[in-house]
């Protein structure tokens, strides 16, 4: 017996889910590359500190006080650099822990989008989706509905756009201090 229509995922939805997954995989590879770069910087600064340690030992053994003082004066900056690069590497490593969801998880999330917003429109020009929010009112200013677009090619880039939907029956309202007359 063939599966019911309800169990078969919409091909457009599968295409969007795969496109989103591909973009998330690309973002994950960029994070991995960035982590490798941060670890390289951290390793370099640690090697620099080790060279300074060896020079400091030699200058102290030979009684070169001026050299010892100069090297001791350089150590705090290198330690601050280590702290900076260690923090940057830690942030990149934390970001790398976020995995790319499976296609099944992506489809489940997109089905949940349909449940929450009702109509989900497929946007073939970007292989994305869009939904329209209910009317939004913010601090007694009616803003109307907004279209929220998911454009897979734009994932990982800023800024994201959320355009308002013009309505003929709604009076246009600008920014509260600059109301349109």
Foldseek 3Di string as FASTA:
>chain_A
DDDDPVPDDDPLLLLLLVLLLVLVVVVLVVLVVQLVVLVVQLVVLVVVVVVLVVQLVVCVVVVVVVSNVVSVVPVVVSVVVNVVSVVVSVVSVVVNVDDRDDSVVSSVVVVVVCVVQPDWDQDVVQSWIKGKDQWDADPNRTQGIWIAIDRSVCPPHDDGDIHGDDDPPDDDADDVVDGDD
